[in-house]
Amino acid sequence: MPSSTRRARERANIRASIVETAMRLLESEGAAALTIRRIAADVEYTAPIVYQHFANKDALVLELVVRGYDLMVAELRRAAEASDIDGRIVRVAAQYVRFAGEHPHLYQAMNGTVTDADERRRAAAPAVDLLTELLDLWSRAHGVTLPDQSDACEILWGTLHGMAALGYLGTVGTERAQRLAEQACSTILLGWRAAGSASGLRAGSSPKPRNPR
């Protein structure tokens, strides 16, 4: 094996070890545990070696945020395998809240202010794309044209984020928050269908009056 290839592999292995250790610390102890000194000690490297791979702590947290969305999207896609499109969206809603409940520290990092808002948005793009894809399938399945699909996606995303936040309250909990997310999404979808039907009726001919008896 050429020495350059070996060095590249070793560098990739070191980076992977740093990320895995940082993820473990975040999941088990929270963001406060994520210091370069602590991570370096846990992977048994020096801090300068960690800095060779990540310019600062914020860069490392961004890597964890990206990994977090990768994990989330993988779980959401598995949930989106229901036969009917309404059921798929409802299951995705429940899984989103479940993910937030199972990975509280990671989820908070994914939605916190440690990383730049634009960077968080780019990291979240695969999840947003999945919701957009599902909404497009739903629109075509029901013959409903949403006024603004981007707004519709934001409405669903905001609803799920709000339900996930409720899940952290002791009076609610993750399981109840999942049920609330399912109910909320079902209600939103019904509302859009009703609005679409009313819009279609206004655009078409008026219904014929009933014959008097």
Protein backbone atom coordinates (compact mmCIF):
# COMPACT_ATOMS: atom_id res chain seq x y z
CA MET A 1 0.00 0.00 0.00
CA PRO A 2 1.44 3.41 -0.94
CA SER A 3 2.39 5.55 2.03
CA SER A 4 0.04 8.35 0.88
CA THR A 5 -2.90 5.93 0.84
CA ARG A 6 -1.99 4.62 4.27
CA ARG A 7 -1.73 8.13 5.70
CA ALA A 8 -5.09 9.08 4.20
CA ARG A 9 -6.70 6.00 5.74
CA GLU A 10 -5.13 6.70 9.12
CA ARG A 11 -6.33 10.30 8.97
CA ALA A 12 -9.87 9.15 8.09
CA ASN A 13 -9.82 6.67 10.99
CA ILE A 14 -8.70 9.36 13.43
CA ARG A 15 -11.45 11.72 12.24
CA ALA A 16 -14.04 8.96 12.56
CA SER A 17 -12.87 8.21 16.11
CA ILE A 18 -13.14 11.87 17.06
CA VAL A 19 -16.68 12.14 15.65
CA GLU A 20 -17.83 8.89 17.27
CA THR A 21 -16.44 9.95 20.64
CA ALA A 22 -18.02 13.40 20.36
CA MET A 23 -21.37 11.86 19.45
CA ARG A 24 -21.20 9.50 22.42
CA LEU A 25 -20.39 12.35 24.79
CA LEU A 26 -23.18 14.52 23.38
CA GLU A 27 -25.77 11.75 23.62
CA SER A 28 -24.80 10.69 27.14
CA GLU A 29 -23.75 13.94 28.82
CA GLY A 30 -25.04 16.80 26.70
CA ALA A 31 -23.39 19.69 24.88
CA ALA A 32 -21.53 20.87 27.99
CA ALA A 33 -19.29 17.80 27.76
CA LEU A 34 -18.16 18.69 24.25
CA THR A 35 -14.82 20.34 24.84
CA ILE A 36 -11.80 19.73 22.63
CA ARG A 37 -9.76 18.82 25.70
CA ARG A 38 -12.31 16.22 26.86
CA ILE A 39 -12.70 14.70 23.40
CA ALA A 40 -8.94 14.51 22.92
CA ALA A 41 -8.56 12.76 26.26
CA ASP A 42 -11.29 10.23 25.47
CA VAL A 43 -9.81 9.31 22.08
CA GLU A 44 -6.32 9.34 23.62
CA TYR A 45 -4.98 11.99 21.26
CA THR A 46 -3.67 15.44 21.98
CA ALA A 47 -5.82 18.53 21.43
CA PRO A 48 -3.67 19.70 18.48
CA ILE A 49 -4.49 16.45 16.65
CA VAL A 50 -8.21 17.13 17.10
CA TYR A 51 -7.65 20.66 15.76
CA GLN A 52 -6.03 19.15 12.66
CA HIS A 53 -9.44 17.71 11.79
CA PHE A 54 -11.77 20.40 13.15
CA ALA A 55 -10.91 24.08 13.28
CA ASN A 56 -12.90 24.57 16.48
CA LYS A 57 -15.69 23.14 18.59
CA ASP A 58 -18.38 24.73 16.41
CA ALA A 59 -17.07 22.85 13.37
CA LEU A 60 -17.25 19.60 15.29
CA VAL A 61 -20.78 20.31 16.52
CA LEU A 62 -21.84 21.03 12.94
CA GLU A 63 -20.52 17.60 11.94
CA LEU A 64 -22.66 16.05 14.69
CA VAL A 65 -25.69 18.03 13.53
CA VAL A 66 -25.23 16.69 10.00
CA ARG A 67 -24.88 13.15 11.36
CA GLY A 68 -27.98 13.70 13.46
CA TYR A 69 -30.08 14.62 10.44
CA ASP A 70 -28.70 11.63 8.56
CA LEU A 71 -29.90 9.38 11.38
CA MET A 72 -33.26 11.12 11.56
CA VAL A 73 -33.93 10.92 7.82
CA ALA A 74 -33.06 7.22 7.76
CA GLU A 75 -35.66 6.60 10.48
CA LEU A 76 -38.24 8.87 8.82
CA ARG A 77 -37.86 7.05 5.51
CA ARG A 78 -38.47 3.71 7.21
CA ALA A 79 -41.59 5.19 8.79
CA ALA A 80 -42.74 6.47 5.37
CA GLU A 81 -43.44 2.96 4.09
CA ALA A 82 -47.15 2.86 4.92
CA SER A 83 -49.44 1.94 2.03
CA ASP A 84 -51.52 5.13 1.93
CA ILE A 85 -50.01 8.58 1.72
CA ASP A 86 -51.95 10.02 4.67
CA GLY A 87 -50.72 7.17 6.84
CA ARG A 88 -47.17 7.75 5.69
CA ILE A 89 -47.21 11.40 6.72
CA VAL A 90 -48.80 10.59 10.08
CA ARG A 91 -46.22 7.87 10.77
CA VAL A 92 -43.40 10.21 9.83
CA ALA A 93 -44.81 12.77 12.28
CA ALA A 94 -44.81 10.23 15.09
CA GLN A 95 -41.30 9.04 14.25
CA TYR A 96 -39.97 12.60 14.23
CA VAL A 97 -41.21 13.14 17.78
CA ARG A 98 -39.94 9.72 18.83
CA PHE A 99 -36.46 10.53 17.47
CA ALA A 100 -36.43 13.78 19.46
CA GLY A 101 -37.39 11.89 22.60
CA GLU A 102 -34.77 9.17 22.11
CA HIS A 103 -31.95 11.63 21.30
CA PRO A 104 -32.72 14.72 23.39
CA HIS A 105 -29.20 16.19 23.49
CA LEU A 106 -28.56 15.50 19.82
CA TYR A 107 -31.95 16.92 18.84
CA GLN A 108 -31.30 20.07 20.82
CA ALA A 109 -27.94 20.49 19.08
CA MET A 110 -29.67 20.00 15.72
CA ASN A 111 -32.05 22.84 16.54
CA GLY A 112 -29.91 25.02 18.77
CA THR A 113 -27.96 28.19 18.11
CA VAL A 114 -24.44 26.80 18.45
CA THR A 115 -24.29 26.35 14.69
CA ASP A 116 -25.18 29.04 12.17
CA ALA A 117 -28.84 29.12 11.09
CA ASP A 118 -27.95 28.72 7.41
CA GLU A 119 -25.71 25.76 8.18
CA ARG A 120 -28.46 24.14 10.23
CA ARG A 121 -30.85 24.66 7.34
CA ARG A 122 -28.45 22.98 4.92
CA ALA A 123 -28.02 20.08 7.33
CA ALA A 124 -31.80 19.75 7.61
CA ALA A 125 -32.30 19.83 3.83
CA PRO A 126 -32.68 16.03 3.45
CA ALA A 127 -35.49 16.01 6.04
CA VAL A 128 -37.18 19.00 4.40
CA ASP A 129 -36.87 17.28 1.02
CA LEU A 130 -38.57 14.19 2.43
CA LEU A 131 -41.50 16.22 3.74
CA THR A 132 -41.75 18.06 0.43
CA GLU A 133 -41.75 14.74 -1.43
CA LEU A 134 -44.52 13.37 0.78
CA LEU A 135 -46.60 16.54 0.39
CA ASP A 136 -46.24 16.33 -3.39
CA LEU A 137 -47.46 12.72 -3.35
CA TRP A 138 -50.32 13.68 -1.03
CA SER A 139 -51.37 16.59 -3.26
CA ARG A 140 -51.49 14.39 -6.35
CA ALA A 141 -53.24 11.54 -4.55
CA HIS A 142 -56.09 13.82 -3.41
CA GLY A 143 -56.12 16.22 -6.33
CA VAL A 144 -55.41 19.13 -3.99
CA THR A 145 -53.22 22.03 -5.08
CA LEU A 146 -51.61 23.61 -2.07
CA PRO A 147 -51.36 27.44 -2.40
CA ASP A 148 -47.67 27.33 -1.44
CA GLN A 149 -46.00 23.98 -0.93
CA SER A 150 -43.03 25.60 0.78
CA ASP A 151 -45.38 27.16 3.36
CA ALA A 152 -47.13 23.82 3.78
CA CYS A 153 -43.83 22.13 4.50
CA GLU A 154 -42.94 24.81 7.06
CA ILE A 155 -46.32 24.33 8.74
CA LEU A 156 -45.73 20.60 9.13
CA TRP A 157 -42.12 21.09 10.20
CA GLY A 158 -43.09 23.67 12.80
CA THR A 159 -45.88 21.45 14.10
CA LEU A 160 -43.53 18.50 14.54
CA HIS A 161 -40.88 20.64 16.24
CA GLY A 162 -43.50 22.01 18.63
CA MET A 163 -44.77 18.54 19.49
CA ALA A 164 -41.22 17.34 20.02
CA ALA A 165 -40.67 20.21 22.46
CA LEU A 166 -43.86 19.26 24.33
CA GLY A 167 -42.51 15.75 24.65
CA TYR A 168 -39.78 17.02 26.97
CA LEU A 169 -42.38 18.20 29.49
CA GLY A 170 -43.00 15.76 32.30
CA THR A 171 -46.74 16.32 31.99
CA VAL A 172 -46.70 15.23 28.34
CA GLY A 173 -43.83 12.84 27.59
CA THR A 174 -42.72 11.37 24.29
CA GLU A 175 -45.51 8.83 23.81
CA ARG A 176 -48.29 11.34 24.28
CA ALA A 177 -46.42 13.87 22.14
CA GLN A 178 -46.31 11.26 19.37
CA ARG A 179 -50.08 10.81 19.55
CA LEU A 180 -50.59 14.57 19.55
CA ALA A 181 -48.34 14.90 16.49
CA GLU A 182 -50.39 12.26 14.68
CA GLN A 183 -53.62 14.04 15.55
CA ALA A 184 -52.24 17.42 14.55
CA CYS A 185 -51.01 16.20 11.16
CA SER A 186 -54.28 14.37 10.46
CA THR A 187 -56.21 17.54 11.26
CA ILE A 188 -53.96 19.68 9.07
CA LEU A 189 -54.32 17.27 6.13
CA LEU A 190 -58.09 17.18 6.52
CA GLY A 191 -58.17 20.97 6.58
CA TRP A 192 -56.14 21.20 3.39
CA ARG A 193 -58.42 18.69 1.68
CA ALA A 194 -61.50 20.61 2.76
CA ALA A 195 -59.99 23.90 1.59
CA GLY A 196 -59.04 22.30 -1.71
CA SER A 197 -62.55 20.96 -2.24
CA ALA A 198 -64.09 24.35 -1.47
CA SER A 199 -61.67 26.05 -3.84
CA GLY A 200 -62.50 23.58 -6.59
CA LEU A 201 -66.21 24.17 -6.08
CA ARG A 202 -65.76 27.95 -6.36
CA ALA A 203 -63.71 27.56 -9.50
CA GLY A 204 -66.29 25.31 -11.18
CA SER A 205 -69.96 25.74 -11.87
CA SER A 206 -72.34 26.40 -9.05
CA PRO A 207 -74.27 23.37 -7.80
CA LYS A 208 -77.74 23.00 -9.26
CA PRO A 209 -80.56 24.00 -6.92
CA ARG A 210 -82.65 21.17 -5.57
CA ASN A 211 -86.08 20.71 -7.16
CA PRO A 212 -88.83 21.90 -4.84
CA ARG A 213 -91.31 19.24 -3.80
